[in-house]
Amino acid sequence: MNVQSKHLEDILREAYSHPAVQGIVMWGAWHPEGCWRMCLTDNNFKNLPTGDVVDKLISEWRSDNVAATTDADGLHRAELFHGEYKVTISHPSSNSSSSVGSLTVDSASENNNVLRVMV
C-alpha cells in the first residue's frame, strides 16, 4: 500500500464513521493519458493500490449474509446499511432454518427497527 492509498483509506474510514454522512460518492474517471490526480485503475482496468482500497472497504462494509449469535437474553444488535433485509433464523438443535420476516432500514426507521421472534 502506498502513501496515497493509505491516505485514501484513512479519509474514507473517517467519513464513513461520521454519523452525519449518508453516503460517499467517488469520481475516478479514466483517461487514456492518465488521471489528473488519482486513478483507481490502470489503462488495462486493473486495480491500482487506490482501487484495492475502495474494493476492500466496500467488501468490509457490505452487510450480505451476516451470521450472528444471540446473547444470553436472546438478543442480537446489528448495524446495517439502508435497504431491504430478509431475516432467517436457525437453532443449533435443528438442521433446518426458516425465514421469519423482512426488515427495511431507511432514514425514517434507522434507529427503530426491532424484529421480535419467538422460538
C-alpha atoms as a PDB file:
ATOM      1  CA  MET A   1       0.000   0.000   0.000  1.00  0.00           C
ATOM      2  CA  ASN A   2       1.486   3.332  -0.988  1.00  0.00           C
ATOM      3  CA  VAL A   3       1.068   6.658   0.822  1.00  0.00           C
ATOM      4  CA  GLN A   4      -1.721   7.856  -1.476  1.00  0.00           C
ATOM      5  CA  SER A   5      -3.817   4.720  -0.986  1.00  0.00           C
ATOM      6  CA  LYS A   6      -3.236   4.812   2.791  1.00  0.00           C
ATOM      7  CA  HIS A   7      -4.452   8.422   2.912  1.00  0.00           C
ATOM      8  CA  LEU A   8      -7.489   7.488   0.807  1.00  0.00           C
ATOM      9  CA  GLU A   9      -8.346   4.658   3.220  1.00  0.00           C
ATOM     10  CA  ASP A  10      -7.963   6.969   6.236  1.00  0.00           C
ATOM     11  CA  ILE A  11     -10.206   9.623   4.663  1.00  0.00           C
ATOM     12  CA  LEU A  12     -12.896   7.134   3.610  1.00  0.00           C
ATOM     13  CA  ARG A  13     -12.937   5.486   7.050  1.00  0.00           C
ATOM     14  CA  GLU A  14     -13.177   8.877   8.758  1.00  0.00           C
ATOM     15  CA  ALA A  15     -16.046   9.962   6.515  1.00  0.00           C
ATOM     16  CA  TYR A  16     -17.862   6.632   6.839  1.00  0.00           C
ATOM     17  CA  SER A  17     -17.660   6.731  10.639  1.00  0.00           C
ATOM     18  CA  HIS A  18     -19.266  10.175  10.952  1.00  0.00           C
ATOM     19  CA  PRO A  19     -22.980   9.912  11.830  1.00  0.00           C
ATOM     20  CA  ALA A  20     -23.952  12.801   9.532  1.00  0.00           C
ATOM     21  CA  VAL A  21     -22.529  11.106   6.433  1.00  0.00           C
ATOM     22  CA  GLN A  22     -25.297   9.386   4.479  1.00  0.00           C
ATOM     23  CA  GLY A  23     -23.207   8.225   1.550  1.00  0.00           C
ATOM     24  CA  ILE A  24     -19.897   8.534  -0.243  1.00  0.00           C
ATOM     25  CA  VAL A  25     -19.617   9.243  -3.967  1.00  0.00           C
ATOM     26  CA  MET A  26     -16.246   8.885  -5.675  1.00  0.00           C
ATOM     27  CA  TRP A  27     -15.343  10.021  -9.141  1.00  0.00           C
ATOM     28  CA  GLY A  28     -12.416   8.068 -10.543  1.00  0.00           C
ATOM     29  CA  ALA A  29     -12.666   8.982 -14.216  1.00  0.00           C
ATOM     30  CA  TRP A  30     -10.382   7.083 -16.536  1.00  0.00           C
ATOM     31  CA  HIS A  31      -8.435   8.817 -19.272  1.00  0.00           C
ATOM     32  CA  PRO A  32      -6.009   7.083 -21.685  1.00  0.00           C
ATOM     33  CA  GLU A  33      -3.241   9.593 -20.915  1.00  0.00           C
ATOM     34  CA  GLY A  34      -3.660   9.022 -17.190  1.00  0.00           C
ATOM     35  CA  CYS A  35      -5.503  10.733 -14.400  1.00  0.00           C
ATOM     36  CA  TRP A  36      -5.001  14.262 -13.235  1.00  0.00           C
ATOM     37  CA  ARG A  37      -4.752  13.326  -9.545  1.00  0.00           C
ATOM     38  CA  MET A  38      -5.685   9.799  -8.569  1.00  0.00           C
ATOM     39  CA  CYS A  39      -6.751   6.776 -10.571  1.00  0.00           C
ATOM     40  CA  LEU A  40      -8.403   3.655  -9.223  1.00  0.00           C
ATOM     41  CA  THR A  41      -7.292   1.520 -12.204  1.00  0.00           C
ATOM     42  CA  ASP A  42      -4.547   1.458 -14.797  1.00  0.00           C
ATOM     43  CA  ASN A  43      -5.174   1.676 -18.556  1.00  0.00           C
ATOM     44  CA  ASN A  44      -5.999  -2.060 -18.634  1.00  0.00           C
ATOM     45  CA  PHE A  45      -8.623  -1.533 -15.891  1.00  0.00           C
ATOM     46  CA  LYS A  46      -6.571  -3.475 -13.353  1.00  0.00           C
ATOM     47  CA  ASN A  47      -6.802  -2.090  -9.848  1.00  0.00           C
ATOM     48  CA  LEU A  48      -4.099   0.216  -8.611  1.00  0.00           C
ATOM     49  CA  PRO A  49      -3.472   0.320  -4.827  1.00  0.00           C
ATOM     50  CA  THR A  50      -6.182   3.000  -4.502  1.00  0.00           C
ATOM     51  CA  GLY A  51      -8.676   0.770  -6.319  1.00  0.00           C
ATOM     52  CA  ASP A  52      -7.753  -2.096  -3.990  1.00  0.00           C
ATOM     53  CA  VAL A  53      -8.558   0.154  -1.011  1.00  0.00           C
ATOM     54  CA  VAL A  54     -12.004   1.017  -2.393  1.00  0.00           C
ATOM     55  CA  ASP A  55     -12.790  -2.648  -3.135  1.00  0.00           C
ATOM     56  CA  LYS A  56     -11.575  -3.710   0.321  1.00  0.00           C
ATOM     57  CA  LEU A  57     -13.736  -1.141   2.117  1.00  0.00           C
ATOM     58  CA  ILE A  58     -16.851  -1.923   0.066  1.00  0.00           C
ATOM     59  CA  SER A  59     -16.395  -5.601   0.888  1.00  0.00           C
ATOM     60  CA  GLU A  60     -15.777  -4.840   4.573  1.00  0.00           C
ATOM     61  CA  TRP A  61     -18.803  -2.560   4.895  1.00  0.00           C
ATOM     62  CA  ARG A  62     -21.227  -4.761   2.934  1.00  0.00           C
ATOM     63  CA  SER A  63     -23.910  -6.480   5.014  1.00  0.00           C
ATOM     64  CA  ASP A  64     -24.675  -9.527   2.839  1.00  0.00           C
ATOM     65  CA  ASN A  65     -25.276 -12.854   4.581  1.00  0.00           C
ATOM     66  CA  VAL A  66     -24.274 -11.849   8.077  1.00  0.00           C
ATOM     67  CA  ALA A  67     -24.259 -14.713  10.560  1.00  0.00           C
ATOM     68  CA  ALA A  68     -24.796 -13.755  14.179  1.00  0.00           C
ATOM     69  CA  THR A  69     -25.441 -15.364  17.532  1.00  0.00           C
ATOM     70  CA  THR A  70     -27.808 -14.011  20.136  1.00  0.00           C
ATOM     71  CA  ASP A  71     -26.689 -13.127  23.631  1.00  0.00           C
ATOM     72  CA  ALA A  72     -27.915 -14.764  26.866  1.00  0.00           C
ATOM     73  CA  ASP A  73     -31.159 -12.781  26.598  1.00  0.00           C
ATOM     74  CA  GLY A  74     -31.761 -13.950  23.025  1.00  0.00           C
ATOM     75  CA  LEU A  75     -30.930 -10.552  21.520  1.00  0.00           C
ATOM     76  CA  HIS A  76     -28.706  -9.538  18.642  1.00  0.00           C
ATOM     77  CA  ARG A  77     -27.894  -5.963  17.635  1.00  0.00           C
ATOM     78  CA  ALA A  78     -26.693  -5.191  14.104  1.00  0.00           C
ATOM     79  CA  GLU A  79     -25.711  -2.001  12.311  1.00  0.00           C
ATOM     80  CA  LEU A  80     -26.980  -2.196   8.737  1.00  0.00           C
ATOM     81  CA  PHE A  81     -26.905  -0.126   5.566  1.00  0.00           C
ATOM     82  CA  HIS A  82     -30.178   1.273   4.278  1.00  0.00           C
ATOM     83  CA  GLY A  83     -32.055  -1.365   2.327  1.00  0.00           C
ATOM     84  CA  GLU A  84     -34.248  -4.451   2.486  1.00  0.00           C
ATOM     85  CA  TYR A  85     -33.173  -7.455   4.559  1.00  0.00           C
ATOM     86  CA  LYS A  86     -34.575 -10.956   4.822  1.00  0.00           C
ATOM     87  CA  VAL A  87     -34.113 -12.454   8.289  1.00  0.00           C
ATOM     88  CA  THR A  88     -33.576 -16.187   8.644  1.00  0.00           C
ATOM     89  CA  ILE A  89     -33.085 -17.976  11.946  1.00  0.00           C
ATOM     90  CA  SER A  90     -31.828 -21.385  12.887  1.00  0.00           C
ATOM     91  CA  HIS A  91     -31.339 -23.231  16.145  1.00  0.00           C
ATOM     92  CA  PRO A  92     -28.297 -25.408  16.884  1.00  0.00           C
ATOM     93  CA  SER A  93     -30.513 -28.372  17.761  1.00  0.00           C
ATOM     94  CA  SER A  94     -32.217 -28.224  14.372  1.00  0.00           C
ATOM     95  CA  ASN A  95     -30.807 -28.941  10.937  1.00  0.00           C
ATOM     96  CA  SER A  96     -33.194 -26.507   9.304  1.00  0.00           C
ATOM     97  CA  SER A  97     -33.653 -22.772   9.183  1.00  0.00           C
ATOM     98  CA  SER A  98     -36.683 -20.670   8.433  1.00  0.00           C
ATOM     99  CA  SER A  99     -37.310 -17.209   7.097  1.00  0.00           C
ATOM    100  CA  VAL A 100     -39.115 -15.217   9.768  1.00  0.00           C
ATOM    101  CA  GLY A 101     -39.564 -11.838   8.193  1.00  0.00           C
ATOM    102  CA  SER A 102     -38.087  -8.890   6.453  1.00  0.00           C
ATOM    103  CA  LEU A 103     -36.656  -5.661   7.696  1.00  0.00           C
ATOM    104  CA  THR A 104     -36.390  -2.291   5.963  1.00  0.00           C
ATOM    105  CA  VAL A 105     -33.712   0.130   7.081  1.00  0.00           C
ATOM    106  CA  ASP A 106     -34.072   3.723   5.884  1.00  0.00           C
ATOM    107  CA  SER A 107     -33.559   7.215   7.269  1.00  0.00           C
ATOM    108  CA  ALA A 108     -37.044   7.226   8.818  1.00  0.00           C
ATOM    109  CA  SER A 109     -36.567   3.961  10.687  1.00  0.00           C
ATOM    110  CA  GLU A 110     -32.829   3.518  11.124  1.00  0.00           C
ATOM    111  CA  ASN A 111     -32.900   3.684  14.929  1.00  0.00           C
ATOM    112  CA  ASN A 112     -36.235   1.956  15.490  1.00  0.00           C
ATOM    113  CA  ASN A 113     -36.110  -1.393  13.694  1.00  0.00           C
ATOM    114  CA  VAL A 114     -36.788  -4.300  16.001  1.00  0.00           C
ATOM    115  CA  LEU A 115     -37.765  -7.725  14.763  1.00  0.00           C
ATOM    116  CA  ARG A 116     -39.115  -9.929  17.558  1.00  0.00           C
ATOM    117  CA  VAL A 117     -39.105 -13.670  17.046  1.00  0.00           C
ATOM    118  CA  MET A 118     -40.477 -16.269  19.450  1.00  0.00           C
ATOM    119  CA  VAL A 119     -38.886 -19.687  19.082  1.00  0.00           C
END
